[in-house]
C-alpha atoms as a PDB file:
ATOM      1  CA  MET A   1     120.367  49.844 -27.229  1.00  0.00           C
ATOM      2  CA  SER A   2     122.428  53.113 -27.733  1.00  0.00           C
ATOM      3  CA  ASP A   3     124.711  53.649 -30.235  1.00  0.00           C
ATOM      4  CA  PRO A   4     128.382  53.326 -28.573  1.00  0.00           C
ATOM      5  CA  LEU A   5     129.756  56.407 -30.151  1.00  0.00           C
ATOM      6  CA  SER A   6     126.729  58.548 -28.667  1.00  0.00           C
ATOM      7  CA  VAL A   7     127.370  57.131 -25.213  1.00  0.00           C
ATOM      8  CA  VAL A   8     130.946  57.848 -25.474  1.00  0.00           C
ATOM      9  CA  ALA A   9     130.465  61.299 -26.952  1.00  0.00           C
ATOM     10  CA  SER A  10     128.059  61.975 -23.890  1.00  0.00           C
ATOM     11  CA  ILE A  11     130.408  60.810 -21.577  1.00  0.00           C
ATOM     12  CA  ALA A  12     133.161  63.007 -22.988  1.00  0.00           C
ATOM     13  CA  GLY A  13     130.597  65.915 -22.758  1.00  0.00           C
ATOM     14  CA  LEU A  14     129.904  65.460 -19.238  1.00  0.00           C
ATOM     15  CA  VAL A  15     133.951  65.198 -18.612  1.00  0.00           C
ATOM     16  CA  ALA A  16     134.160  68.552 -19.915  1.00  0.00           C
ATOM     17  CA  VAL A  17     131.258  70.072 -18.308  1.00  0.00           C
ATOM     18  CA  SER A  18     132.432  68.833 -14.783  1.00  0.00           C
ATOM     19  CA  ALA A  19     135.976  69.869 -15.652  1.00  0.00           C
ATOM     20  CA  LYS A  20     134.625  73.625 -16.425  1.00  0.00           C
ATOM     21  CA  ILE A  21     132.363  73.340 -13.148  1.00  0.00           C
ATOM     22  CA  VAL A  22     135.215  72.634 -11.418  1.00  0.00           C
ATOM     23  CA  SER A  23     137.637  75.484 -12.681  1.00  0.00           C
ATOM     24  CA  LEU A  24     134.896  77.802 -11.916  1.00  0.00           C
ATOM     25  CA  LEU A  25     134.026  76.852  -8.729  1.00  0.00           C
ATOM     26  CA  LYS A  26     137.827  77.193  -7.856  1.00  0.00           C
ATOM     27  CA  ASP A  27     137.936  80.494  -9.413  1.00  0.00           C
ATOM     28  CA  LEU A  28     134.957  81.484  -7.186  1.00  0.00           C
ATOM     29  CA  TYR A  29     136.660  79.967  -3.974  1.00  0.00           C
ATOM     30  CA  ASP A  30     139.873  81.658  -4.655  1.00  0.00           C
ATOM     31  CA  SER A  31     138.191  84.892  -5.285  1.00  0.00           C
ATOM     32  CA  ALA A  32     135.350  85.041  -2.720  1.00  0.00           C
ATOM     33  CA  LYS A  33     136.666  86.329   0.712  1.00  0.00           C
ATOM     34  CA  GLY A  34     135.426  83.696   3.322  1.00  0.00           C
ATOM     35  CA  ALA A  35     133.770  81.650   0.951  1.00  0.00           C
ATOM     36  CA  PRO A  36     131.216  79.428   2.245  1.00  0.00           C
ATOM     37  CA  GLU A  37     132.252  75.889   3.253  1.00  0.00           C
ATOM     38  CA  SER A  38     129.536  74.460   1.067  1.00  0.00           C
ATOM     39  CA  VAL A  39     131.246  75.888  -2.223  1.00  0.00           C
ATOM     40  CA  GLY A  40     134.456  73.983  -1.272  1.00  0.00           C
ATOM     41  CA  ARG A  41     132.319  70.884  -0.547  1.00  0.00           C
ATOM     42  CA  VAL A  42     130.559  71.341  -4.074  1.00  0.00           C
ATOM     43  CA  LYS A  43     133.944  71.789  -5.739  1.00  0.00           C
ATOM     44  CA  ALA A  44     135.150  68.530  -3.915  1.00  0.00           C
ATOM     45  CA  GLU A  45     132.291  66.722  -5.050  1.00  0.00           C
ATOM     46  CA  MET A  46     132.719  67.897  -8.826  1.00  0.00           C
ATOM     47  CA  GLN A  47     136.474  66.979  -8.886  1.00  0.00           C
ATOM     48  CA  ASP A  48     135.318  63.388  -7.791  1.00  0.00           C
ATOM     49  CA  LEU A  49     132.525  63.397 -10.425  1.00  0.00           C
ATOM     50  CA  ASN A  50     135.116  64.221 -12.936  1.00  0.00           C
ATOM     51  CA  VAL A  51     137.223  61.090 -11.959  1.00  0.00           C
ATOM     52  CA  ILE A  52     134.293  58.977 -11.960  1.00  0.00           C
ATOM     53  CA  PHE A  53     133.320  60.190 -15.697  1.00  0.00           C
ATOM     54  CA  CYS A  54     136.804  59.945 -16.962  1.00  0.00           C
ATOM     55  CA  GLU A  55     136.865  56.091 -15.679  1.00  0.00           C
ATOM     56  CA  VAL A  56     133.669  55.259 -17.362  1.00  0.00           C
ATOM     57  CA  GLN A  57     134.703  56.939 -20.282  1.00  0.00           C
ATOM     58  CA  LEU A  58     138.151  54.863 -20.639  1.00  0.00           C
ATOM     59  CA  PHE A  59     136.042  51.544 -19.495  1.00  0.00           C
ATOM     60  CA  ILE A  60     133.618  52.250 -22.341  1.00  0.00           C
ATOM     61  CA  MET A  61     136.538  52.752 -24.962  1.00  0.00           C
ATOM     62  CA  GLY A  62     137.866  49.434 -23.844  1.00  0.00           C
ATOM     63  CA  GLN A  63     140.772  51.265 -22.128  1.00  0.00           C
ATOM     64  CA  SER A  64     139.852  50.011 -18.599  1.00  0.00           C
ATOM     65  CA  ARG A  65     138.396  47.155 -17.205  1.00  0.00           C
ATOM     66  CA  MET A  66     136.004  46.231 -14.149  1.00  0.00           C
ATOM     67  CA  PRO A  67     138.005  45.134 -11.217  1.00  0.00           C
ATOM     68  CA  GLU A  68     137.573  41.297 -10.453  1.00  0.00           C
ATOM     69  CA  SER A  69     135.514  40.588  -7.791  1.00  0.00           C
ATOM     70  CA  ASN A  70     136.765  37.887  -5.035  1.00  0.00           C
END
């Protein structure tokens, strides 16, 4: 099994990378006249992934719990 600290560091890295990609895509989208719709979709997907990575990081660090199934 992986070292928990390494897992947290990896998730933190993924969060940082996804946030940077979102920022770059936003700049590209804002500056490109008539930017293709696909750039906007990629930006939205990266924002969604960033939220997911943040939630996973909080879960691993014990600051969040999985919802109870009914």
